[in-house]
Amino acid sequence: MEEEIWKNVPWYEWLYSASQLWNIKSLERIIVRKNNTSYKLKWRILSKMKRWNNWYYCVDLCKLWKINSLRVNRIIWATFLWLDINDTKLLMCHIDDNIYNNNINNLFIWTSKDNSEDMVSKKRQWWFQNSWEWNWMNIYSNELVINIIDYYNKWFSIKQISNIYKIKYWTVYSFVSWKRRSGLLATTK
């Protein structure tokens, strides 16, 4: 088994460190609150979470009372290979195409153009699109989605549609945005 090597995360030195096995830990330190009281924070491994709008694992890092949610693969790359965490021109890619494998040996950097060409050549795009379609198609019927789209095309708001069908607002919004992206919505809106 590989030994875990820990390094300080850039821009968060002495607060957080990361390992090449994509673990991120909060370091032991004294926290001084705004009212000048203090307490000792013990070190701990941070839990990785997937955000609802993002496929990638993220962690929350805090500095000067400001919380930033950052992607784990970018933190690992910045820590070990000195990439700017906030540089969005370069994409973090995975050698084995598994976005949940953030080991340093599995990461590399590409431009958006290179990533798009690779997506087409490997037919990776269908996985994102069809997995979402498959999830809602197992729960909601096609007729229901078509009725929701018809209501939306007749100038009903998403909130009104969610009240009519007793479905969560974000679910109706996702149907509408998915249909808009696939070109199935009326262009009059």
N, C-alpha and C. Protein backbone atom coordinates (compact mmCIF):
# COMPACT_ATOMS: atom_id res chain seq x y z
N MET A 1 0.83 -1.19 0.00
CA MET A 1 0.00 0.00 0.00
C MET A 1 0.88 1.25 0.00
N GLU A 2 0.46 2.21 -0.73
CA GLU A 2 1.20 3.45 -0.91
C GLU A 2 1.14 4.30 0.36
N GLU A 3 2.28 4.88 0.73
CA GLU A 3 2.31 5.75 1.90
C GLU A 3 1.73 7.11 1.55
N GLU A 4 0.93 7.64 2.45
CA GLU A 4 0.25 8.91 2.20
C GLU A 4 1.21 10.07 2.50
N ILE A 5 1.38 10.95 1.52
CA ILE A 5 2.25 12.12 1.66
C ILE A 5 1.37 13.35 1.78
N TRP A 6 1.57 14.13 2.83
CA TRP A 6 0.75 15.32 3.07
C TRP A 6 1.53 16.58 2.75
N LYS A 7 0.88 17.53 2.06
CA LYS A 7 1.47 18.84 1.77
C LYS A 7 0.44 19.91 2.05
N ASN A 8 0.93 21.12 2.38
CA ASN A 8 0.02 22.25 2.62
C ASN A 8 -0.67 22.66 1.32
N VAL A 9 -1.96 22.99 1.43
CA VAL A 9 -2.73 23.45 0.28
C VAL A 9 -2.36 24.91 0.00
N PRO A 10 -2.01 25.26 -1.25
CA PRO A 10 -1.67 26.65 -1.55
C PRO A 10 -2.83 27.59 -1.23
N TRP A 11 -2.52 28.77 -0.77
CA TRP A 11 -3.46 29.80 -0.34
C TRP A 11 -4.17 29.44 0.97
N TYR A 12 -3.93 28.24 1.49
CA TYR A 12 -4.50 27.82 2.77
C TYR A 12 -3.41 27.17 3.62
N GLU A 13 -2.17 27.67 3.50
CA GLU A 13 -1.06 27.09 4.24
C GLU A 13 -1.34 27.16 5.74
N TRP A 14 -0.98 26.12 6.43
CA TRP A 14 -1.12 25.96 7.87
C TRP A 14 -2.58 25.87 8.31
N LEU A 15 -3.49 25.81 7.38
CA LEU A 15 -4.90 25.59 7.70
C LEU A 15 -5.36 24.21 7.22
N TYR A 16 -4.95 23.86 5.99
CA TYR A 16 -5.37 22.59 5.38
C TYR A 16 -4.19 21.96 4.67
N SER A 17 -4.19 20.64 4.62
CA SER A 17 -3.19 19.92 3.84
C SER A 17 -3.89 18.83 3.05
N ALA A 18 -3.25 18.41 1.96
CA ALA A 18 -3.83 17.41 1.06
C ALA A 18 -2.82 16.30 0.83
N SER A 19 -3.32 15.11 0.53
CA SER A 19 -2.44 13.99 0.24
C SER A 19 -2.64 13.57 -1.21
N GLN A 20 -1.68 12.79 -1.73
CA GLN A 20 -1.78 12.34 -3.10
C GLN A 20 -2.88 11.30 -3.27
N LEU A 21 -3.41 10.78 -2.18
CA LEU A 21 -4.53 9.83 -2.24
C LEU A 21 -5.86 10.56 -2.11
N TRP A 22 -5.87 11.83 -2.42
CA TRP A 22 -6.99 12.77 -2.45
C TRP A 22 -7.77 12.89 -1.15
N ASN A 23 -7.05 12.82 -0.05
CA ASN A 23 -7.62 13.16 1.25
C ASN A 23 -7.23 14.60 1.58
N ILE A 24 -8.13 15.32 2.21
CA ILE A 24 -7.85 16.69 2.63
C ILE A 24 -8.17 16.79 4.10
N LYS A 25 -7.22 17.36 4.87
CA LYS A 25 -7.46 17.45 6.31
C LYS A 25 -7.30 18.88 6.79
N SER A 26 -8.09 19.18 7.78
CA SER A 26 -8.01 20.46 8.46
C SER A 26 -6.96 20.30 9.56
N LEU A 27 -6.00 21.20 9.61
CA LEU A 27 -4.90 21.08 10.57
C LEU A 27 -5.31 21.63 11.93
N GLU A 28 -4.60 21.13 12.96
CA GLU A 28 -4.86 21.60 14.32
C GLU A 28 -4.41 23.05 14.45
N ARG A 29 -5.27 23.89 15.05
CA ARG A 29 -4.94 25.31 15.19
C ARG A 29 -5.84 25.96 16.23
N ILE A 30 -5.47 27.16 16.61
CA ILE A 30 -6.27 27.96 17.53
C ILE A 30 -7.13 28.90 16.69
N ILE A 31 -8.43 28.88 16.92
CA ILE A 31 -9.37 29.73 16.20
C ILE A 31 -9.75 30.90 17.11
N VAL A 32 -9.58 32.11 16.60
CA VAL A 32 -9.98 33.30 17.33
C VAL A 32 -11.24 33.84 16.67
N ARG A 33 -12.30 33.91 17.45
CA ARG A 33 -13.56 34.41 16.92
C ARG A 33 -13.54 35.93 16.83
N LYS A 34 -14.54 36.47 16.18
CA LYS A 34 -14.62 37.93 16.02
C LYS A 34 -14.79 38.66 17.36
N ASN A 35 -15.35 37.96 18.35
CA ASN A 35 -15.54 38.60 19.66
C ASN A 35 -14.34 38.35 20.58
N ASN A 36 -13.19 37.96 19.99
CA ASN A 36 -11.92 37.75 20.69
C ASN A 36 -11.90 36.56 21.63
N THR A 37 -12.85 35.66 21.55
CA THR A 37 -12.75 34.40 22.28
C THR A 37 -12.06 33.40 21.35
N SER A 38 -11.45 32.40 21.93
CA SER A 38 -10.72 31.44 21.10
C SER A 38 -10.99 30.02 21.57
N TYR A 39 -10.72 29.09 20.67
CA TYR A 39 -10.82 27.68 21.00
C TYR A 39 -9.85 26.91 20.12
N LYS A 40 -9.53 25.69 20.56
CA LYS A 40 -8.58 24.87 19.82
C LYS A 40 -9.35 23.92 18.90
N LEU A 41 -9.00 23.96 17.62
CA LEU A 41 -9.61 23.08 16.63
C LEU A 41 -8.66 21.92 16.38
N LYS A 42 -9.14 20.69 16.57
CA LYS A 42 -8.30 19.51 16.36
C LYS A 42 -8.31 19.16 14.87
N TRP A 43 -7.26 18.46 14.43
CA TRP A 43 -7.18 18.08 13.02
C TRP A 43 -8.22 17.02 12.73
N ARG A 44 -8.69 17.01 11.48
CA ARG A 44 -9.64 15.98 11.05
C ARG A 44 -9.61 15.90 9.53
N ILE A 45 -9.94 14.74 9.02
CA ILE A 45 -10.07 14.54 7.57
C ILE A 45 -11.42 15.11 7.16
N LEU A 46 -11.42 15.97 6.16
CA LEU A 46 -12.68 16.58 5.69
C LEU A 46 -13.47 15.59 4.85
N SER A 47 -14.76 15.63 5.01
CA SER A 47 -15.61 14.75 4.20
C SER A 47 -15.86 15.40 2.85
N LYS A 48 -15.79 14.59 1.82
CA LYS A 48 -16.01 15.06 0.46
C LYS A 48 -17.49 14.91 0.12
N MET A 49 -18.04 15.90 -0.56
CA MET A 49 -19.45 15.83 -0.90
C MET A 49 -19.65 16.23 -2.35
N LYS A 50 -20.72 15.70 -2.93
CA LYS A 50 -21.09 16.11 -4.28
C LYS A 50 -22.17 17.16 -4.17
N ARG A 51 -21.97 18.28 -4.83
CA ARG A 51 -22.97 19.33 -4.86
C ARG A 51 -24.07 18.96 -5.84
N TRP A 52 -25.27 19.51 -5.66
CA TRP A 52 -26.38 19.16 -6.53
C TRP A 52 -26.14 19.62 -7.96
N ASN A 53 -25.33 20.66 -8.17
CA ASN A 53 -25.11 21.17 -9.51
C ASN A 53 -23.78 20.74 -10.09
N ASN A 54 -23.09 19.83 -9.42
CA ASN A 54 -21.75 19.47 -9.84
C ASN A 54 -21.55 17.98 -9.66
N TRP A 55 -20.94 17.33 -10.63
CA TRP A 55 -20.68 15.89 -10.55
C TRP A 55 -19.48 15.58 -9.69
N TYR A 56 -18.64 16.56 -9.46
CA TYR A 56 -17.35 16.32 -8.82
C TYR A 56 -17.43 16.46 -7.31
N TYR A 57 -16.49 15.76 -6.62
CA TYR A 57 -16.40 15.90 -5.17
C TYR A 57 -15.88 17.29 -4.82
N CYS A 58 -16.45 17.88 -3.78
CA CYS A 58 -16.04 19.21 -3.31
C CYS A 58 -15.81 19.15 -1.81
N VAL A 59 -15.01 20.09 -1.32
CA VAL A 59 -14.84 20.30 0.11
C VAL A 59 -14.94 21.79 0.38
N ASP A 60 -15.32 22.14 1.61
CA ASP A 60 -15.41 23.54 2.00
C ASP A 60 -14.15 23.90 2.78
N LEU A 61 -13.43 24.91 2.28
CA LEU A 61 -12.24 25.42 2.97
C LEU A 61 -12.55 26.83 3.45
N CYS A 62 -12.13 27.12 4.67
CA CYS A 62 -12.44 28.41 5.29
C CYS A 62 -11.15 29.15 5.62
N LYS A 63 -11.13 30.44 5.26
CA LYS A 63 -9.99 31.29 5.59
C LYS A 63 -10.52 32.69 5.84
N LEU A 64 -10.17 33.26 6.98
CA LEU A 64 -10.62 34.60 7.38
C LEU A 64 -12.14 34.70 7.36
N TRP A 65 -12.79 33.71 7.90
CA TRP A 65 -14.26 33.64 8.04
C TRP A 65 -14.99 33.59 6.70
N LYS A 66 -14.29 33.26 5.63
CA LYS A 66 -14.93 33.11 4.32
C LYS A 66 -14.81 31.65 3.90
N ILE A 67 -15.93 31.06 3.52
CA ILE A 67 -15.97 29.66 3.13
C ILE A 67 -15.97 29.56 1.61
N ASN A 68 -15.07 28.75 1.08
CA ASN A 68 -15.01 28.49 -0.36
C ASN A 68 -15.22 27.00 -0.59
N SER A 69 -16.12 26.69 -1.50
CA SER A 69 -16.33 25.30 -1.88
C SER A 69 -15.48 25.04 -3.12
N LEU A 70 -14.51 24.14 -2.99
CA LEU A 70 -13.58 23.87 -4.07
C LEU A 70 -13.61 22.40 -4.46
N ARG A 71 -13.34 22.13 -5.73
CA ARG A 71 -13.32 20.75 -6.21
C ARG A 71 -12.05 20.06 -5.72
N VAL A 72 -12.20 18.81 -5.30
CA VAL A 72 -11.08 18.06 -4.72
C VAL A 72 -9.97 17.87 -5.75
N ASN A 73 -10.32 17.55 -6.99
CA ASN A 73 -9.26 17.29 -7.97
C ASN A 73 -8.41 18.54 -8.22
N ARG A 74 -9.01 19.73 -8.18
CA ARG A 74 -8.24 20.97 -8.36
C ARG A 74 -7.34 21.23 -7.14
N ILE A 75 -7.83 20.91 -5.96
CA ILE A 75 -7.01 21.10 -4.76
C ILE A 75 -5.79 20.18 -4.80
N ILE A 76 -6.00 18.92 -5.16
CA ILE A 76 -4.90 17.96 -5.24
C ILE A 76 -3.87 18.42 -6.27
N TRP A 77 -4.36 18.85 -7.45
CA TRP A 77 -3.44 19.29 -8.49
C TRP A 77 -2.67 20.54 -8.04
N ALA A 78 -3.35 21.48 -7.42
CA ALA A 78 -2.69 22.71 -6.97
C ALA A 78 -1.65 22.41 -5.90
N THR A 79 -1.94 21.47 -5.04
CA THR A 79 -1.03 21.14 -3.94
C THR A 79 0.23 20.46 -4.45
N PHE A 80 0.09 19.53 -5.37
CA PHE A 80 1.24 18.73 -5.79
C PHE A 80 1.89 19.23 -7.07
N LEU A 81 1.15 19.91 -7.94
CA LEU A 81 1.71 20.32 -9.23
C LEU A 81 1.53 21.81 -9.49
N TRP A 82 1.14 22.58 -8.49
CA TRP A 82 1.14 24.04 -8.51
C TRP A 82 0.27 24.67 -9.59
N LEU A 83 -0.94 24.21 -9.70
CA LEU A 83 -1.92 24.84 -10.59
C LEU A 83 -2.71 25.85 -9.77
N ASP A 84 -3.07 26.97 -10.37
CA ASP A 84 -3.91 27.96 -9.70
C ASP A 84 -5.31 27.35 -9.56
N ILE A 85 -5.82 27.27 -8.33
CA ILE A 85 -7.12 26.65 -8.07
C ILE A 85 -8.23 27.37 -8.82
N ASN A 86 -8.12 28.68 -8.95
CA ASN A 86 -9.18 29.47 -9.56
C ASN A 86 -9.04 29.62 -11.06
N ASP A 87 -8.03 29.02 -11.68
CA ASP A 87 -7.84 29.11 -13.12
C ASP A 87 -8.85 28.20 -13.81
N THR A 88 -9.82 28.79 -14.49
CA THR A 88 -10.88 28.00 -15.12
C THR A 88 -10.62 27.74 -16.59
N LYS A 89 -9.52 28.26 -17.14
CA LYS A 89 -9.22 28.02 -18.56
C LYS A 89 -8.76 26.59 -18.80
N LEU A 90 -8.09 26.02 -17.82
CA LEU A 90 -7.60 24.66 -17.95
C LEU A 90 -8.55 23.71 -17.22
N LEU A 91 -8.78 22.55 -17.82
CA LEU A 91 -9.69 21.56 -17.24
C LEU A 91 -8.91 20.44 -16.60
N MET A 92 -9.42 19.95 -15.49
CA MET A 92 -8.85 18.77 -14.85
C MET A 92 -9.50 17.55 -15.47
N CYS A 93 -8.69 16.66 -16.00
CA CYS A 93 -9.22 15.46 -16.63
C CYS A 93 -8.68 14.23 -15.92
N HIS A 94 -9.36 13.12 -16.13
CA HIS A 94 -9.01 11.87 -15.47
C HIS A 94 -8.59 10.85 -16.52
N ILE A 95 -7.47 10.20 -16.30
CA ILE A 95 -6.94 9.24 -17.27
C ILE A 95 -7.92 8.11 -17.51
N ASP A 96 -8.51 7.57 -16.44
CA ASP A 96 -9.42 6.45 -16.59
C ASP A 96 -10.88 6.87 -16.78
N ASP A 97 -11.13 8.18 -17.00
CA ASP A 97 -12.47 8.74 -17.22
C ASP A 97 -13.41 8.54 -16.03
N ASN A 98 -12.87 8.22 -14.87
CA ASN A 98 -13.66 8.07 -13.66
C ASN A 98 -13.48 9.34 -12.84
N ILE A 99 -14.52 10.19 -12.82
CA ILE A 99 -14.40 11.49 -12.15
C ILE A 99 -14.31 11.37 -10.64
N TYR A 100 -14.55 10.19 -10.10
CA TYR A 100 -14.46 10.01 -8.65
C TYR A 100 -13.10 9.47 -8.22
N ASN A 101 -12.22 9.19 -9.17
CA ASN A 101 -10.87 8.74 -8.86
C ASN A 101 -9.94 9.94 -8.97
N ASN A 102 -9.70 10.63 -7.87
CA ASN A 102 -8.91 11.86 -7.87
C ASN A 102 -7.48 11.64 -7.40
N ASN A 103 -6.97 10.43 -7.55
CA ASN A 103 -5.59 10.16 -7.21
C ASN A 103 -4.69 10.99 -8.11
N ILE A 104 -3.59 11.49 -7.58
CA ILE A 104 -2.70 12.38 -8.34
C ILE A 104 -2.19 11.72 -9.61
N ASN A 105 -2.04 10.40 -9.61
CA ASN A 105 -1.56 9.69 -10.79
C ASN A 105 -2.62 9.56 -11.87
N ASN A 106 -3.86 9.90 -11.54
CA ASN A 106 -4.96 9.77 -12.50
C ASN A 106 -5.37 11.11 -13.09
N LEU A 107 -4.73 12.21 -12.69
CA LEU A 107 -5.14 13.54 -13.14
C LEU A 107 -4.17 14.12 -14.17
N PHE A 108 -4.73 14.87 -15.10
CA PHE A 108 -3.92 15.65 -16.03
C PHE A 108 -4.72 16.86 -16.49
N ILE A 109 -4.04 17.82 -17.13
CA ILE A 109 -4.69 19.06 -17.53
C ILE A 109 -4.86 19.09 -19.05
N TRP A 110 -6.02 19.60 -19.47
CA TRP A 110 -6.32 19.79 -20.88
C TRP A 110 -7.01 21.11 -21.09
N THR A 111 -7.06 21.52 -22.34
CA THR A 111 -7.87 22.68 -22.70
C THR A 111 -9.29 22.20 -22.97
N SER A 112 -10.20 23.12 -23.06
CA SER A 112 -11.59 22.77 -23.33
C SER A 112 -11.74 22.11 -24.69
N LYS A 113 -11.00 22.58 -25.68
CA LYS A 113 -11.07 22.02 -27.02
C LYS A 113 -10.62 20.56 -27.03
N ASP A 114 -9.49 20.28 -26.38
CA ASP A 114 -8.99 18.90 -26.32
C ASP A 114 -9.99 17.99 -25.62
N ASN A 115 -10.60 18.49 -24.55
CA ASN A 115 -11.56 17.69 -23.81
C ASN A 115 -12.79 17.39 -24.67
N SER A 116 -13.26 18.37 -25.44
CA SER A 116 -14.42 18.15 -26.31
C SER A 116 -14.12 17.11 -27.38
N GLU A 117 -12.94 17.19 -27.98
CA GLU A 117 -12.57 16.21 -28.99
C GLU A 117 -12.48 14.81 -28.40
N ASP A 118 -11.93 14.71 -27.19
CA ASP A 118 -11.83 13.41 -26.54
C ASP A 118 -13.22 12.88 -26.18
N MET A 119 -14.11 13.77 -25.77
CA MET A 119 -15.48 13.37 -25.44
C MET A 119 -16.17 12.74 -26.65
N VAL A 120 -16.00 13.36 -27.81
CA VAL A 120 -16.62 12.85 -29.03
C VAL A 120 -15.98 11.52 -29.43
N SER A 121 -14.65 11.45 -29.39
CA SER A 121 -13.97 10.23 -29.82
C SER A 121 -14.29 9.04 -28.92
N LYS A 122 -14.43 9.28 -27.61
CA LYS A 122 -14.73 8.19 -26.67
C LYS A 122 -16.22 8.04 -26.39
N LYS A 123 -17.03 8.92 -26.98
CA LYS A 123 -18.48 8.91 -26.77
C LYS A 123 -18.81 9.01 -25.27
N ARG A 124 -18.12 9.93 -24.58
CA ARG A 124 -18.34 10.10 -23.14
C ARG A 124 -19.59 10.91 -22.84
N GLN A 125 -20.02 11.75 -23.76
CA GLN A 125 -21.10 12.69 -23.47
C GLN A 125 -22.42 11.98 -23.17
N TRP A 126 -22.67 10.85 -23.82
CA TRP A 126 -23.94 10.15 -23.60
C TRP A 126 -24.12 9.77 -22.14
N TRP A 127 -23.01 9.50 -21.42
CA TRP A 127 -23.14 9.03 -20.04
C TRP A 127 -23.80 10.09 -19.17
N PHE A 128 -23.38 11.35 -19.30
CA PHE A 128 -23.96 12.42 -18.50
C PHE A 128 -25.42 12.64 -18.87
N GLN A 129 -25.70 12.72 -20.16
CA GLN A 129 -27.05 13.03 -20.60
C GLN A 129 -28.01 11.89 -20.27
N ASN A 130 -27.65 10.67 -20.65
CA ASN A 130 -28.58 9.56 -20.47
C ASN A 130 -28.76 9.16 -19.03
N SER A 131 -27.74 9.35 -18.17
CA SER A 131 -27.93 8.99 -16.77
C SER A 131 -28.99 9.87 -16.14
N TRP A 132 -29.00 11.17 -16.50
CA TRP A 132 -30.02 12.06 -15.96
C TRP A 132 -31.38 11.69 -16.52
N GLU A 133 -31.45 11.46 -17.84
CA GLU A 133 -32.72 11.09 -18.46
C GLU A 133 -33.24 9.79 -17.84
N TRP A 134 -32.36 8.82 -17.65
CA TRP A 134 -32.77 7.54 -17.11
C TRP A 134 -33.36 7.71 -15.72
N ASN A 135 -32.77 8.59 -14.90
CA ASN A 135 -33.26 8.80 -13.54
C ASN A 135 -34.67 9.36 -13.53
N TRP A 136 -34.94 10.41 -14.31
CA TRP A 136 -36.28 10.97 -14.23
C TRP A 136 -37.28 10.14 -15.01
N MET A 137 -36.84 9.40 -16.03
CA MET A 137 -37.79 8.58 -16.79
C MET A 137 -38.28 7.39 -15.97
N ASN A 138 -37.50 6.95 -15.00
CA ASN A 138 -37.95 5.87 -14.12
C ASN A 138 -38.97 6.37 -13.11
N ILE A 139 -38.96 7.66 -12.81
CA ILE A 139 -39.85 8.22 -11.80
C ILE A 139 -41.08 8.86 -12.43
N TYR A 140 -40.88 9.64 -13.50
CA TYR A 140 -41.97 10.38 -14.12
C TYR A 140 -42.24 9.85 -15.53
N SER A 141 -43.51 9.83 -15.90
CA SER A 141 -43.87 9.32 -17.23
C SER A 141 -43.57 10.38 -18.29
N ASN A 142 -43.42 9.91 -19.52
CA ASN A 142 -43.17 10.82 -20.64
C ASN A 142 -44.33 11.78 -20.83
N GLU A 143 -45.57 11.28 -20.62
CA GLU A 143 -46.75 12.12 -20.80
C GLU A 143 -46.73 13.29 -19.81
N LEU A 144 -46.32 13.02 -18.57
CA LEU A 144 -46.26 14.07 -17.56
C LEU A 144 -45.25 15.15 -17.97
N VAL A 145 -44.09 14.73 -18.44
CA VAL A 145 -43.07 15.69 -18.85
C VAL A 145 -43.56 16.51 -20.04
N ILE A 146 -44.23 15.87 -20.99
CA ILE A 146 -44.77 16.57 -22.15
C ILE A 146 -45.84 17.57 -21.71
N ASN A 147 -46.70 17.18 -20.76
CA ASN A 147 -47.71 18.11 -20.24
C ASN A 147 -47.06 19.31 -19.54
N ILE A 148 -46.00 19.06 -18.78
CA ILE A 148 -45.29 20.15 -18.11
C ILE A 148 -44.71 21.11 -19.15
N ILE A 149 -44.11 20.57 -20.20
CA ILE A 149 -43.54 21.41 -21.26
C ILE A 149 -44.64 22.20 -21.97
N ASP A 150 -45.81 21.56 -22.19
CA ASP A 150 -46.94 22.26 -22.83
C ASP A 150 -47.40 23.44 -21.97
N TYR A 151 -47.53 23.21 -20.67
CA TYR A 151 -47.92 24.30 -19.77
C TYR A 151 -46.89 25.43 -19.82
N TYR A 152 -45.62 25.05 -19.82
CA TYR A 152 -44.56 26.07 -19.85
C TYR A 152 -44.62 26.86 -21.16
N ASN A 153 -44.90 26.17 -22.27
CA ASN A 153 -45.02 26.86 -23.56
C ASN A 153 -46.24 27.76 -23.61
N LYS A 154 -47.24 27.51 -22.76
CA LYS A 154 -48.44 28.35 -22.70
C LYS A 154 -48.28 29.47 -21.67
N TRP A 155 -47.06 29.80 -21.32
CA TRP A 155 -46.70 30.92 -20.45
C TRP A 155 -47.06 30.71 -18.97
N PHE A 156 -47.18 29.47 -18.53
CA PHE A 156 -47.29 29.22 -17.10
C PHE A 156 -45.90 29.31 -16.50
N SER A 157 -45.81 29.80 -15.28
CA SER A 157 -44.50 29.86 -14.63
C SER A 157 -44.16 28.48 -14.05
N ILE A 158 -42.89 28.29 -13.75
CA ILE A 158 -42.45 27.01 -13.19
C ILE A 158 -43.10 26.78 -11.83
N LYS A 159 -43.28 27.85 -11.06
CA LYS A 159 -43.93 27.72 -9.75
C LYS A 159 -45.39 27.29 -9.89
N GLN A 160 -46.10 27.87 -10.88
CA GLN A 160 -47.49 27.47 -11.10
C GLN A 160 -47.58 26.00 -11.52
N ILE A 161 -46.68 25.58 -12.40
CA ILE A 161 -46.69 24.18 -12.85
C ILE A 161 -46.39 23.25 -11.69
N SER A 162 -45.43 23.61 -10.84
CA SER A 162 -45.11 22.74 -9.70
C SER A 162 -46.29 22.65 -8.73
N ASN A 163 -47.07 23.72 -8.60
CA ASN A 163 -48.27 23.66 -7.75
C ASN A 163 -49.37 22.82 -8.38
N ILE A 164 -49.52 22.88 -9.70
CA ILE A 164 -50.55 22.09 -10.40
C ILE A 164 -50.29 20.60 -10.23
N TYR A 165 -49.04 20.18 -10.47
CA TYR A 165 -48.71 18.75 -10.45
C TYR A 165 -48.18 18.26 -9.11
N LYS A 166 -48.05 19.16 -8.13
CA LYS A 166 -47.53 18.80 -6.81
C LYS A 166 -46.13 18.16 -6.91
N ILE A 167 -45.29 18.79 -7.74
CA ILE A 167 -43.91 18.35 -7.93
C ILE A 167 -43.01 19.50 -7.46
N LYS A 168 -41.84 19.16 -6.95
CA LYS A 168 -40.91 20.19 -6.48
C LYS A 168 -40.54 21.14 -7.60
N TYR A 169 -40.31 22.38 -7.23
CA TYR A 169 -39.96 23.44 -8.17
C TYR A 169 -38.74 23.06 -9.00
N TRP A 170 -37.67 22.53 -8.34
CA TRP A 170 -36.42 22.24 -9.04
C TRP A 170 -36.59 21.08 -10.01
N THR A 171 -37.51 20.18 -9.75
CA THR A 171 -37.76 19.09 -10.68
C THR A 171 -38.38 19.62 -11.96
N VAL A 172 -39.38 20.49 -11.83
CA VAL A 172 -40.00 21.10 -13.00
C VAL A 172 -38.96 21.94 -13.75
N TYR A 173 -38.15 22.68 -13.01
CA TYR A 173 -37.11 23.49 -13.63
C TYR A 173 -36.15 22.62 -14.43
N SER A 174 -35.78 21.46 -13.89
CA SER A 174 -34.85 20.58 -14.60
C SER A 174 -35.47 20.03 -15.87
N PHE A 175 -36.78 19.71 -15.85
CA PHE A 175 -37.45 19.26 -17.08
C PHE A 175 -37.39 20.36 -18.14
N VAL A 176 -37.73 21.56 -17.73
CA VAL A 176 -37.78 22.69 -18.66
C VAL A 176 -36.39 22.99 -19.22
N SER A 177 -35.38 23.02 -18.35
CA SER A 177 -34.03 23.34 -18.83
C SER A 177 -33.49 22.22 -19.71
N TRP A 178 -33.81 20.97 -19.39
CA TRP A 178 -33.36 19.85 -20.23
C TRP A 178 -34.00 19.93 -21.59
N LYS A 179 -35.29 20.24 -21.66
CA LYS A 179 -35.97 20.35 -22.95
C LYS A 179 -35.45 21.56 -23.72
N ARG A 180 -35.10 22.63 -23.01
CA ARG A 180 -34.57 23.82 -23.68
C ARG A 180 -33.23 23.49 -24.32
N ARG A 181 -32.38 22.75 -23.59
CA ARG A 181 -31.07 22.39 -24.13
C ARG A 181 -31.19 21.45 -25.32
N SER A 182 -32.18 20.58 -25.30
CA SER A 182 -32.33 19.62 -26.39
C SER A 182 -33.14 20.19 -27.54
N GLY A 183 -33.57 21.45 -27.45
CA GLY A 183 -34.26 22.10 -28.55
C GLY A 183 -35.72 21.74 -28.69
N LEU A 184 -36.34 21.18 -27.65
CA LEU A 184 -37.73 20.75 -27.76
C LEU A 184 -38.72 21.78 -27.25
N LEU A 185 -38.22 22.92 -26.71
CA LEU A 185 -39.12 23.96 -26.24
C LEU A 185 -39.46 24.92 -27.37
N ALA A 186 -40.62 25.53 -27.28
CA ALA A 186 -40.98 26.55 -28.25
C ALA A 186 -40.03 27.72 -28.12
N THR A 187 -39.68 28.33 -29.22
CA THR A 187 -38.70 29.42 -29.20
C THR A 187 -39.35 30.76 -28.91
N THR A 188 -40.64 30.80 -28.61
CA THR A 188 -41.31 32.07 -28.36
C THR A 188 -41.03 32.60 -26.98
N LYS A 189 -40.56 31.76 -26.05
CA LYS A 189 -40.31 32.22 -24.68
C LYS A 189 -39.07 33.01 -24.60
